Amino acid sequence: MTDGVCGQDGEVFLDSGEVKACRGGRILQASAIGSCVVVAAYDPDSAVGGMAHVMLPGESGGQDSSTKTKYARDAVEEMMRMMSDLGAKEARVRVSLLGGGNALGDGHDSPGPDIVRSLAEIPGRKGITPVAMEVGGTRRRFCAPDVARGRETPTEGESRQGMLWEAKRCGLGSADKRSRSSPKEVIS
């Protein structure tokens, strides 16, 4: 695993089990999200974003450090550490969850629902504000949070990209805008 902090402007791709954080004009991207769950995080005041492409529920239990970010709790902890190193404050961080489906279809076991349940507990314990969730289903997703603009625009299957949420700067009168009136939450 690399240090996970994004370098130059542009697009930054994450594979399964990776965690990255960056500031400014970058777009974090994760594709082929099936049973995995992507946690996209953003601090609007510092314009610091982070992403964790989580493969497994729970925590690693002290396993090899090169694989620990495959697990929900370890991945979120590492993402928040990296974001904090770049100037983000946990109290201002907004997170969304995307994925956790069963791309193989009904009748196949998927760790997706267990990952979603594992991740749903973490933000509340850390005082992080969850703003949107689009989980479950049977279609693969693609996630591309734009760190410069503080918005997340996922796709599902072959559909066109649509905005899941957009953060506003913190302070008086600030609010998060969700363009999808009722985020899908399918946990079975």
N, C-alpha and C. Protein backbone atom coordinates (compact mmCIF):
# COMPACT_ATOMS: atom_id res chain seq x y z
N MET A 1 0.84 -1.18 0.00
CA MET A 1 0.00 0.00 0.00
C MET A 1 0.88 1.24 0.00
N THR A 2 0.52 2.21 -0.84
CA THR A 2 1.25 3.47 -0.85
C THR A 2 0.76 4.33 0.30
N ASP A 3 1.33 5.53 0.41
CA ASP A 3 0.90 6.39 1.52
C ASP A 3 -0.52 6.90 1.32
N GLY A 4 -1.06 6.79 0.12
CA GLY A 4 -2.46 7.11 -0.10
C GLY A 4 -2.77 8.58 -0.27
N VAL A 5 -1.81 9.46 -0.14
CA VAL A 5 -2.08 10.88 -0.30
C VAL A 5 -1.88 11.22 -1.78
N CYS A 6 -2.88 11.85 -2.37
CA CYS A 6 -2.85 12.15 -3.80
C CYS A 6 -1.81 13.20 -4.11
N GLY A 7 -1.22 13.09 -5.25
CA GLY A 7 -0.20 14.04 -5.71
C GLY A 7 -0.77 15.14 -6.57
N GLN A 8 -0.45 15.14 -7.85
CA GLN A 8 -0.80 16.19 -8.79
C GLN A 8 -2.31 16.30 -8.99
N ASP A 9 -2.73 17.44 -9.61
CA ASP A 9 -4.13 17.61 -9.99
C ASP A 9 -4.54 16.52 -10.95
N GLY A 10 -5.81 16.23 -11.01
CA GLY A 10 -6.33 15.26 -11.96
C GLY A 10 -7.09 14.15 -11.29
N GLU A 11 -7.19 13.05 -12.00
CA GLU A 11 -7.94 11.91 -11.53
C GLU A 11 -7.06 10.95 -10.76
N VAL A 12 -7.59 10.44 -9.67
CA VAL A 12 -6.86 9.50 -8.81
C VAL A 12 -7.74 8.26 -8.68
N PHE A 13 -7.22 7.11 -9.11
CA PHE A 13 -7.99 5.87 -9.11
C PHE A 13 -7.68 5.02 -7.88
N LEU A 14 -8.72 4.42 -7.33
CA LEU A 14 -8.57 3.51 -6.19
C LEU A 14 -9.00 2.12 -6.61
N ASP A 15 -8.21 1.16 -6.21
CA ASP A 15 -8.57 -0.24 -6.38
C ASP A 15 -9.22 -0.74 -5.09
N SER A 16 -9.79 -1.91 -5.14
CA SER A 16 -10.39 -2.51 -3.96
C SER A 16 -9.36 -2.60 -2.84
N GLY A 17 -9.77 -2.22 -1.64
CA GLY A 17 -8.90 -2.29 -0.47
C GLY A 17 -8.01 -1.08 -0.30
N GLU A 18 -8.07 -0.11 -1.20
CA GLU A 18 -7.21 1.07 -1.09
C GLU A 18 -7.93 2.23 -0.40
N VAL A 19 -7.13 3.11 0.18
CA VAL A 19 -7.62 4.32 0.84
C VAL A 19 -6.73 5.46 0.37
N LYS A 20 -7.35 6.59 -0.01
CA LYS A 20 -6.57 7.76 -0.42
C LYS A 20 -7.26 9.02 0.08
N ALA A 21 -6.47 10.08 0.20
CA ALA A 21 -6.99 11.39 0.59
C ALA A 21 -6.24 12.44 -0.20
N CYS A 22 -6.92 13.54 -0.50
CA CYS A 22 -6.26 14.62 -1.23
C CYS A 22 -6.98 15.94 -1.00
N ARG A 23 -6.34 16.98 -1.45
CA ARG A 23 -6.84 18.33 -1.30
C ARG A 23 -6.95 18.95 -2.70
N GLY A 24 -7.93 19.82 -2.88
CA GLY A 24 -7.97 20.64 -4.08
C GLY A 24 -8.56 19.99 -5.31
N GLY A 25 -7.97 20.30 -6.46
CA GLY A 25 -8.55 20.00 -7.75
C GLY A 25 -8.39 18.58 -8.23
N ARG A 26 -8.82 17.63 -7.48
CA ARG A 26 -8.69 16.24 -7.88
C ARG A 26 -10.05 15.54 -7.86
N ILE A 27 -10.12 14.50 -8.64
CA ILE A 27 -11.31 13.66 -8.65
C ILE A 27 -10.87 12.25 -8.27
N LEU A 28 -11.40 11.75 -7.18
CA LEU A 28 -11.13 10.39 -6.74
C LEU A 28 -12.08 9.47 -7.50
N GLN A 29 -11.59 8.32 -7.94
CA GLN A 29 -12.46 7.43 -8.72
C GLN A 29 -12.30 5.98 -8.30
N ALA A 30 -13.44 5.31 -8.21
CA ALA A 30 -13.47 3.87 -7.97
C ALA A 30 -14.51 3.30 -8.92
N SER A 31 -14.15 2.22 -9.59
CA SER A 31 -15.09 1.62 -10.54
C SER A 31 -15.32 0.16 -10.19
N ALA A 32 -16.25 -0.43 -10.93
CA ALA A 32 -16.62 -1.83 -10.72
C ALA A 32 -16.95 -2.11 -9.27
N ILE A 33 -17.76 -1.24 -8.68
CA ILE A 33 -18.17 -1.40 -7.29
C ILE A 33 -19.38 -2.33 -7.26
N GLY A 34 -19.16 -3.54 -6.81
CA GLY A 34 -20.23 -4.52 -6.71
C GLY A 34 -20.59 -4.72 -5.25
N SER A 35 -20.03 -5.75 -4.63
CA SER A 35 -20.31 -6.00 -3.21
C SER A 35 -19.47 -5.10 -2.31
N CYS A 36 -18.38 -4.56 -2.82
CA CYS A 36 -17.58 -3.61 -2.03
C CYS A 36 -18.40 -2.36 -1.75
N VAL A 37 -17.98 -1.59 -0.77
CA VAL A 37 -18.64 -0.32 -0.47
C VAL A 37 -17.58 0.77 -0.49
N VAL A 38 -17.86 1.83 -1.23
CA VAL A 38 -16.97 2.98 -1.26
C VAL A 38 -17.48 4.01 -0.26
N VAL A 39 -16.58 4.45 0.60
CA VAL A 39 -16.87 5.53 1.53
C VAL A 39 -16.20 6.77 0.94
N ALA A 40 -17.00 7.75 0.57
CA ALA A 40 -16.47 9.01 0.06
C ALA A 40 -16.66 10.05 1.16
N ALA A 41 -15.59 10.77 1.50
CA ALA A 41 -15.63 11.73 2.59
C ALA A 41 -15.13 13.08 2.11
N TYR A 42 -15.65 14.14 2.71
CA TYR A 42 -15.28 15.49 2.29
C TYR A 42 -15.43 16.47 3.45
N ASP A 43 -14.42 17.31 3.62
CA ASP A 43 -14.49 18.43 4.56
C ASP A 43 -14.60 19.69 3.73
N PRO A 44 -15.77 20.34 3.70
CA PRO A 44 -15.97 21.49 2.82
C PRO A 44 -15.09 22.69 3.15
N ASP A 45 -14.74 22.89 4.41
CA ASP A 45 -13.94 24.07 4.75
C ASP A 45 -12.49 23.95 4.31
N SER A 46 -11.92 22.77 4.40
CA SER A 46 -10.52 22.60 4.01
C SER A 46 -10.38 22.09 2.58
N ALA A 47 -11.50 21.74 1.94
CA ALA A 47 -11.50 21.15 0.59
C ALA A 47 -10.60 19.92 0.54
N VAL A 48 -10.73 19.09 1.58
CA VAL A 48 -9.99 17.83 1.65
C VAL A 48 -10.99 16.70 1.48
N GLY A 49 -10.66 15.78 0.59
CA GLY A 49 -11.52 14.63 0.35
C GLY A 49 -10.78 13.34 0.59
N GLY A 50 -11.53 12.30 0.83
CA GLY A 50 -10.94 10.98 1.01
C GLY A 50 -11.87 9.92 0.50
N MET A 51 -11.29 8.77 0.21
CA MET A 51 -12.09 7.65 -0.25
C MET A 51 -11.48 6.35 0.25
N ALA A 52 -12.37 5.45 0.64
CA ALA A 52 -11.96 4.10 1.04
C ALA A 52 -12.80 3.12 0.24
N HIS A 53 -12.14 2.17 -0.43
CA HIS A 53 -12.82 1.15 -1.22
C HIS A 53 -12.80 -0.13 -0.38
N VAL A 54 -13.84 -0.31 0.42
CA VAL A 54 -13.90 -1.35 1.46
C VAL A 54 -14.39 -2.68 0.90
N MET A 55 -13.67 -3.74 1.22
CA MET A 55 -13.99 -5.07 0.71
C MET A 55 -14.64 -5.99 1.74
N LEU A 56 -14.38 -5.74 3.04
CA LEU A 56 -14.82 -6.66 4.08
C LEU A 56 -15.38 -5.91 5.29
N PRO A 57 -16.36 -6.49 6.00
CA PRO A 57 -16.89 -5.84 7.20
C PRO A 57 -15.92 -5.95 8.37
N GLY A 58 -16.20 -5.18 9.42
CA GLY A 58 -15.43 -5.30 10.67
C GLY A 58 -14.05 -4.71 10.59
N GLU A 59 -13.12 -5.35 11.32
CA GLU A 59 -11.74 -4.88 11.35
C GLU A 59 -10.80 -6.05 11.15
N SER A 60 -9.54 -5.73 10.84
CA SER A 60 -8.57 -6.76 10.48
C SER A 60 -8.12 -7.62 11.66
N GLY A 61 -8.24 -7.13 12.86
CA GLY A 61 -7.80 -7.90 14.02
C GLY A 61 -6.30 -8.07 14.09
N GLY A 62 -5.58 -7.05 13.63
CA GLY A 62 -4.13 -7.06 13.72
C GLY A 62 -3.43 -7.84 12.62
N GLN A 63 -4.13 -8.14 11.54
CA GLN A 63 -3.51 -8.85 10.44
C GLN A 63 -2.47 -7.97 9.75
N ASP A 64 -1.84 -8.52 8.76
CA ASP A 64 -0.82 -7.84 7.97
C ASP A 64 -1.26 -6.41 7.62
N SER A 65 -0.42 -5.43 7.92
CA SER A 65 -0.77 -4.03 7.70
C SER A 65 -1.01 -3.71 6.23
N SER A 66 -0.47 -4.50 5.31
CA SER A 66 -0.68 -4.22 3.90
C SER A 66 -2.08 -4.58 3.44
N THR A 67 -2.84 -5.32 4.23
CA THR A 67 -4.19 -5.69 3.85
C THR A 67 -5.27 -5.15 4.79
N LYS A 68 -4.88 -4.42 5.82
CA LYS A 68 -5.88 -4.02 6.82
C LYS A 68 -6.92 -3.05 6.27
N THR A 69 -6.60 -2.24 5.26
CA THR A 69 -7.59 -1.29 4.74
C THR A 69 -8.64 -1.95 3.85
N LYS A 70 -8.60 -3.26 3.75
CA LYS A 70 -9.69 -3.98 3.09
C LYS A 70 -10.91 -4.04 4.01
N TYR A 71 -10.69 -3.84 5.32
CA TYR A 71 -11.73 -3.96 6.33
C TYR A 71 -12.33 -2.59 6.67
N ALA A 72 -13.64 -2.58 6.92
CA ALA A 72 -14.40 -1.34 7.13
C ALA A 72 -13.80 -0.41 8.18
N ARG A 73 -13.65 -0.87 9.39
CA ARG A 73 -13.19 0.01 10.47
C ARG A 73 -11.77 0.52 10.22
N ASP A 74 -10.88 -0.37 9.81
CA ASP A 74 -9.49 0.02 9.54
C ASP A 74 -9.40 1.02 8.39
N ALA A 75 -10.21 0.80 7.35
CA ALA A 75 -10.19 1.69 6.19
C ALA A 75 -10.66 3.10 6.56
N VAL A 76 -11.75 3.19 7.32
CA VAL A 76 -12.26 4.51 7.72
C VAL A 76 -11.27 5.21 8.64
N GLU A 77 -10.70 4.49 9.58
CA GLU A 77 -9.69 5.08 10.48
C GLU A 77 -8.51 5.64 9.68
N GLU A 78 -8.02 4.86 8.72
CA GLU A 78 -6.88 5.31 7.91
C GLU A 78 -7.26 6.49 7.03
N MET A 79 -8.45 6.47 6.45
CA MET A 79 -8.90 7.59 5.62
C MET A 79 -8.99 8.87 6.46
N MET A 80 -9.56 8.77 7.65
CA MET A 80 -9.69 9.95 8.50
C MET A 80 -8.32 10.45 8.96
N ARG A 81 -7.39 9.54 9.23
CA ARG A 81 -6.03 9.95 9.59
C ARG A 81 -5.38 10.73 8.45
N MET A 82 -5.50 10.21 7.24
CA MET A 82 -4.90 10.89 6.08
C MET A 82 -5.56 12.24 5.84
N MET A 83 -6.88 12.31 5.96
CA MET A 83 -7.57 13.58 5.76
C MET A 83 -7.17 14.59 6.82
N SER A 84 -7.05 14.14 8.06
CA SER A 84 -6.62 15.01 9.15
C SER A 84 -5.22 15.57 8.89
N ASP A 85 -4.33 14.72 8.37
CA ASP A 85 -2.97 15.17 8.04
C ASP A 85 -2.98 16.28 7.00
N LEU A 86 -4.03 16.33 6.18
CA LEU A 86 -4.14 17.36 5.14
C LEU A 86 -4.95 18.58 5.60
N GLY A 87 -5.42 18.57 6.86
CA GLY A 87 -6.12 19.72 7.40
C GLY A 87 -7.60 19.55 7.63
N ALA A 88 -8.17 18.40 7.36
CA ALA A 88 -9.59 18.16 7.60
C ALA A 88 -9.87 18.01 9.09
N LYS A 89 -11.06 18.39 9.50
CA LYS A 89 -11.51 18.23 10.88
C LYS A 89 -12.71 17.27 10.88
N GLU A 90 -12.66 16.25 11.73
CA GLU A 90 -13.72 15.24 11.76
C GLU A 90 -15.10 15.84 11.90
N ALA A 91 -15.27 16.87 12.70
CA ALA A 91 -16.59 17.46 12.94
C ALA A 91 -17.18 18.07 11.67
N ARG A 92 -16.35 18.39 10.68
CA ARG A 92 -16.85 18.99 9.44
C ARG A 92 -17.00 17.98 8.31
N VAL A 93 -16.55 16.76 8.52
CA VAL A 93 -16.52 15.77 7.44
C VAL A 93 -17.93 15.24 7.16
N ARG A 94 -18.23 15.14 5.87
CA ARG A 94 -19.46 14.56 5.38
C ARG A 94 -19.10 13.28 4.65
N VAL A 95 -19.86 12.21 4.85
CA VAL A 95 -19.56 10.95 4.17
C VAL A 95 -20.79 10.42 3.43
N SER A 96 -20.50 9.66 2.40
CA SER A 96 -21.55 8.92 1.71
C SER A 96 -21.06 7.50 1.48
N LEU A 97 -22.01 6.59 1.36
CA LEU A 97 -21.70 5.19 1.10
C LEU A 97 -22.32 4.80 -0.24
N LEU A 98 -21.57 4.06 -1.02
CA LEU A 98 -22.04 3.65 -2.33
C LEU A 98 -21.58 2.22 -2.60
N GLY A 99 -22.48 1.36 -2.99
CA GLY A 99 -22.13 -0.02 -3.33
C GLY A 99 -22.87 -1.02 -2.48
N GLY A 100 -22.17 -2.07 -2.08
CA GLY A 100 -22.76 -3.07 -1.21
C GLY A 100 -23.84 -3.90 -1.86
N GLY A 101 -23.77 -4.03 -3.17
CA GLY A 101 -24.78 -4.78 -3.90
C GLY A 101 -24.40 -6.23 -4.09
N ASN A 102 -25.18 -6.87 -4.91
CA ASN A 102 -24.92 -8.26 -5.27
C ASN A 102 -24.90 -8.33 -6.79
N ALA A 103 -23.76 -8.01 -7.38
CA ALA A 103 -23.64 -7.95 -8.83
C ALA A 103 -23.82 -9.31 -9.50
N LEU A 104 -23.71 -10.39 -8.74
CA LEU A 104 -23.93 -11.73 -9.30
C LEU A 104 -25.41 -12.09 -9.35
N GLY A 105 -26.24 -11.29 -8.71
CA GLY A 105 -27.68 -11.51 -8.74
C GLY A 105 -28.18 -12.32 -7.55
N ASP A 106 -29.50 -12.41 -7.47
CA ASP A 106 -30.13 -13.15 -6.39
C ASP A 106 -29.66 -14.59 -6.38
N GLY A 107 -29.63 -15.17 -5.19
CA GLY A 107 -29.21 -16.55 -5.05
C GLY A 107 -27.72 -16.71 -4.78
N HIS A 108 -26.97 -15.64 -4.86
CA HIS A 108 -25.54 -15.68 -4.57
C HIS A 108 -25.28 -14.91 -3.28
N ASP A 109 -24.41 -15.44 -2.45
CA ASP A 109 -24.05 -14.74 -1.22
C ASP A 109 -23.20 -13.53 -1.57
N SER A 110 -23.41 -12.44 -0.87
CA SER A 110 -22.63 -11.22 -1.07
C SER A 110 -22.29 -10.63 0.29
N PRO A 111 -21.05 -10.19 0.47
CA PRO A 111 -20.70 -9.55 1.74
C PRO A 111 -21.22 -8.11 1.83
N GLY A 112 -21.81 -7.61 0.74
CA GLY A 112 -22.25 -6.21 0.68
C GLY A 112 -23.08 -5.74 1.85
N PRO A 113 -24.20 -6.42 2.18
CA PRO A 113 -25.01 -5.96 3.31
C PRO A 113 -24.25 -5.92 4.64
N ASP A 114 -23.35 -6.90 4.86
CA ASP A 114 -22.56 -6.90 6.09
C ASP A 114 -21.58 -5.73 6.12
N ILE A 115 -21.01 -5.39 4.98
CA ILE A 115 -20.10 -4.24 4.90
C ILE A 115 -20.87 -2.96 5.18
N VAL A 116 -22.05 -2.82 4.58
CA VAL A 116 -22.87 -1.62 4.79
C VAL A 116 -23.22 -1.47 6.27
N ARG A 117 -23.66 -2.56 6.90
CA ARG A 117 -24.01 -2.49 8.34
C ARG A 117 -22.78 -2.10 9.16
N SER A 118 -21.64 -2.66 8.84
CA SER A 118 -20.40 -2.36 9.56
C SER A 118 -20.04 -0.88 9.41
N LEU A 119 -20.16 -0.37 8.20
CA LEU A 119 -19.81 1.03 7.95
C LEU A 119 -20.84 2.01 8.51
N ALA A 120 -22.09 1.62 8.57
CA ALA A 120 -23.14 2.52 9.05
C ALA A 120 -22.94 2.90 10.51
N GLU A 121 -22.28 2.06 11.29
CA GLU A 121 -22.04 2.34 12.70
C GLU A 121 -20.94 3.36 12.93
N ILE A 122 -19.97 3.41 12.05
CA ILE A 122 -18.75 4.17 12.29
C ILE A 122 -18.95 5.68 12.31
N PRO A 123 -19.64 6.29 11.32
CA PRO A 123 -19.75 7.75 11.34
C PRO A 123 -20.34 8.32 12.63
N GLY A 124 -21.41 7.70 13.14
CA GLY A 124 -22.04 8.20 14.36
C GLY A 124 -21.10 8.19 15.55
N ARG A 125 -20.30 7.13 15.65
CA ARG A 125 -19.35 7.04 16.76
C ARG A 125 -18.27 8.10 16.68
N LYS A 126 -17.93 8.51 15.48
CA LYS A 126 -16.85 9.48 15.31
C LYS A 126 -17.38 10.91 15.18
N GLY A 127 -18.68 11.11 15.19
CA GLY A 127 -19.24 12.45 15.04
C GLY A 127 -19.21 12.94 13.60
N ILE A 128 -19.11 12.03 12.65
CA ILE A 128 -19.07 12.38 11.23
C ILE A 128 -20.50 12.39 10.69
N THR A 129 -20.81 13.35 9.85
CA THR A 129 -22.15 13.47 9.31
C THR A 129 -22.32 12.66 8.03
N PRO A 130 -23.18 11.62 8.05
CA PRO A 130 -23.49 10.92 6.81
C PRO A 130 -24.51 11.74 6.03
N VAL A 131 -24.27 11.94 4.74
CA VAL A 131 -25.16 12.78 3.94
C VAL A 131 -25.94 12.00 2.89
N ALA A 132 -25.45 10.87 2.46
CA ALA A 132 -26.15 10.12 1.43
C ALA A 132 -25.68 8.67 1.43
N MET A 133 -26.58 7.81 0.97
CA MET A 133 -26.26 6.40 0.88
C MET A 133 -27.01 5.83 -0.32
N GLU A 134 -26.29 5.13 -1.17
CA GLU A 134 -26.92 4.44 -2.28
C GLU A 134 -26.32 3.04 -2.32
N VAL A 135 -27.01 2.11 -1.69
CA VAL A 135 -26.46 0.77 -1.48
C VAL A 135 -27.46 -0.30 -1.91
N GLY A 136 -26.93 -1.51 -2.13
CA GLY A 136 -27.76 -2.65 -2.48
C GLY A 136 -27.95 -2.77 -3.98
N GLY A 137 -28.91 -3.56 -4.36
CA GLY A 137 -29.20 -3.78 -5.77
C GLY A 137 -28.29 -4.83 -6.39
N THR A 138 -28.35 -4.92 -7.71
CA THR A 138 -27.57 -5.94 -8.41
C THR A 138 -26.68 -5.36 -9.51
N ARG A 139 -26.65 -4.05 -9.65
CA ARG A 139 -25.85 -3.45 -10.72
C ARG A 139 -24.56 -2.87 -10.16
N ARG A 140 -23.50 -2.98 -10.94
CA ARG A 140 -22.21 -2.39 -10.55
C ARG A 140 -22.31 -0.87 -10.61
N ARG A 141 -21.47 -0.23 -9.79
CA ARG A 141 -21.47 1.23 -9.74
C ARG A 141 -20.08 1.78 -10.00
N PHE A 142 -20.05 3.07 -10.26
CA PHE A 142 -18.81 3.84 -10.45
C PHE A 142 -18.98 5.09 -9.60
N CYS A 143 -17.93 5.50 -8.90
CA CYS A 143 -18.00 6.64 -7.99
C CYS A 143 -16.88 7.62 -8.31
N ALA A 144 -17.20 8.91 -8.41
CA ALA A 144 -16.19 9.91 -8.74
C ALA A 144 -16.42 11.20 -7.96
N PRO A 145 -16.05 11.23 -6.67
CA PRO A 145 -16.17 12.49 -5.92
C PRO A 145 -15.18 13.54 -6.44
N ASP A 146 -15.68 14.73 -6.68
CA ASP A 146 -14.87 15.85 -7.14
C ASP A 146 -14.47 16.65 -5.90
N VAL A 147 -13.21 16.55 -5.51
CA VAL A 147 -12.74 17.18 -4.28
C VAL A 147 -12.77 18.69 -4.37
N ALA A 148 -12.48 19.26 -5.53
CA ALA A 148 -12.48 20.71 -5.67
C ALA A 148 -13.88 21.29 -5.48
N ARG A 149 -14.89 20.60 -5.96
CA ARG A 149 -16.26 21.12 -5.90
C ARG A 149 -17.08 20.53 -4.76
N GLY A 150 -16.59 19.49 -4.12
CA GLY A 150 -17.33 18.88 -3.02
C GLY A 150 -18.62 18.24 -3.47
N ARG A 151 -18.54 17.46 -4.54
CA ARG A 151 -19.74 16.78 -5.03
C ARG A 151 -19.41 15.36 -5.45
N GLU A 152 -20.43 14.52 -5.36
CA GLU A 152 -20.26 13.13 -5.73
C GLU A 152 -21.26 12.79 -6.82
N THR A 153 -20.74 12.22 -7.90
CA THR A 153 -21.57 11.92 -9.06
C THR A 153 -21.38 10.46 -9.47
N PRO A 154 -22.14 9.55 -8.88
CA PRO A 154 -21.98 8.13 -9.21
C PRO A 154 -22.80 7.73 -10.44
N THR A 155 -22.49 6.56 -10.97
CA THR A 155 -23.33 5.92 -11.98
C THR A 155 -23.65 4.52 -11.50
N GLU A 156 -24.73 3.98 -12.02
CA GLU A 156 -25.12 2.61 -11.71
C GLU A 156 -25.35 1.90 -13.02
N GLY A 157 -24.69 0.75 -13.21
CA GLY A 157 -24.81 0.01 -14.46
C GLY A 157 -24.33 0.86 -15.63
N GLU A 158 -25.13 0.94 -16.66
CA GLU A 158 -24.78 1.73 -17.85
C GLU A 158 -25.46 3.10 -17.85
N SER A 159 -26.05 3.49 -16.72
CA SER A 159 -26.78 4.76 -16.66
C SER A 159 -25.83 5.95 -16.74
N ARG A 160 -26.41 7.11 -16.96
CA ARG A 160 -25.63 8.34 -17.01
C ARG A 160 -25.27 8.77 -15.60
N GLN A 161 -24.21 9.54 -15.51
CA GLN A 161 -23.76 10.03 -14.22
C GLN A 161 -24.78 11.02 -13.66
N GLY A 162 -25.09 10.91 -12.37
CA GLY A 162 -26.00 11.82 -11.72
C GLY A 162 -25.44 12.23 -10.37
N MET A 163 -25.83 13.38 -9.86
CA MET A 163 -25.27 13.86 -8.60
C MET A 163 -25.97 13.19 -7.42
N LEU A 164 -25.18 12.62 -6.52
CA LEU A 164 -25.71 12.04 -5.29
C LEU A 164 -25.80 13.10 -4.20
N TRP A 165 -24.75 13.90 -4.06
CA TRP A 165 -24.77 14.99 -3.08
C TRP A 165 -23.72 16.02 -3.43
N GLU A 166 -23.93 17.23 -2.90
CA GLU A 166 -22.99 18.32 -3.08
C GLU A 166 -22.87 19.06 -1.75
N ALA A 167 -21.66 19.23 -1.29
CA ALA A 167 -21.42 19.89 0.00
C ALA A 167 -21.33 21.39 -0.19
N LYS A 168 -21.78 22.10 0.79
CA LYS A 168 -21.63 23.56 0.84
C LYS A 168 -20.63 23.87 1.93
N ARG A 169 -19.97 25.00 1.83
CA ARG A 169 -19.01 25.39 2.86
C ARG A 169 -19.71 25.47 4.20
N CYS A 170 -19.03 25.08 5.26
CA CYS A 170 -19.59 25.14 6.61
C CYS A 170 -19.71 26.58 7.06
N GLY A 171 -20.49 26.80 8.07
CA GLY A 171 -20.67 28.14 8.61
C GLY A 171 -22.13 28.52 8.58
N LEU A 172 -22.45 29.78 8.83
CA LEU A 172 -23.83 30.24 8.87
C LEU A 172 -24.52 30.01 7.53
N GLY A 173 -25.68 29.43 7.60
CA GLY A 173 -26.48 29.24 6.39
C GLY A 173 -26.01 28.12 5.48
N SER A 174 -25.05 27.35 5.91
CA SER A 174 -24.56 26.29 5.03
C SER A 174 -25.47 25.07 5.12
N ALA A 175 -25.47 24.30 4.07
CA ALA A 175 -26.25 23.08 4.05
C ALA A 175 -25.70 22.16 2.98
N ASP A 176 -26.00 20.90 3.11
CA ASP A 176 -25.64 19.94 2.08
C ASP A 176 -26.86 19.76 1.19
N LYS A 177 -26.62 19.66 -0.08
CA LYS A 177 -27.70 19.50 -1.03
C LYS A 177 -27.65 18.08 -1.59
N ARG A 178 -28.77 17.41 -1.56
CA ARG A 178 -28.89 16.10 -2.19
C ARG A 178 -29.79 16.25 -3.39
N SER A 179 -29.29 15.86 -4.54
CA SER A 179 -30.12 15.99 -5.72
C SER A 179 -31.04 14.80 -5.90
N ARG A 180 -30.78 13.71 -5.22
CA ARG A 180 -31.68 12.56 -5.25
C ARG A 180 -32.49 12.63 -3.97
N SER A 181 -33.78 12.85 -4.10
CA SER A 181 -34.61 13.17 -2.94
C SER A 181 -34.63 12.08 -1.88
N SER A 182 -34.53 10.84 -2.25
CA SER A 182 -34.51 9.79 -1.23
C SER A 182 -33.47 8.75 -1.60
N PRO A 183 -32.29 8.86 -0.99
CA PRO A 183 -31.25 7.91 -1.31
C PRO A 183 -31.72 6.47 -1.12
N LYS A 184 -31.31 5.61 -2.05
CA LYS A 184 -31.69 4.21 -1.95
C LYS A 184 -30.94 3.56 -0.80
N GLU A 185 -31.64 2.82 -0.01
CA GLU A 185 -31.00 2.05 1.04
C GLU A 185 -31.62 0.66 1.01
N VAL A 186 -30.87 -0.28 0.53
CA VAL A 186 -31.35 -1.65 0.44
C VAL A 186 -30.42 -2.51 1.27
N ILE A 187 -30.87 -2.92 2.42
CA ILE A 187 -30.08 -3.79 3.28
C ILE A 187 -30.93 -5.00 3.58
N SER A 188 -30.50 -6.13 3.09
CA SER A 188 -31.28 -7.34 3.33
C SER A 188 -30.48 -8.39 4.04
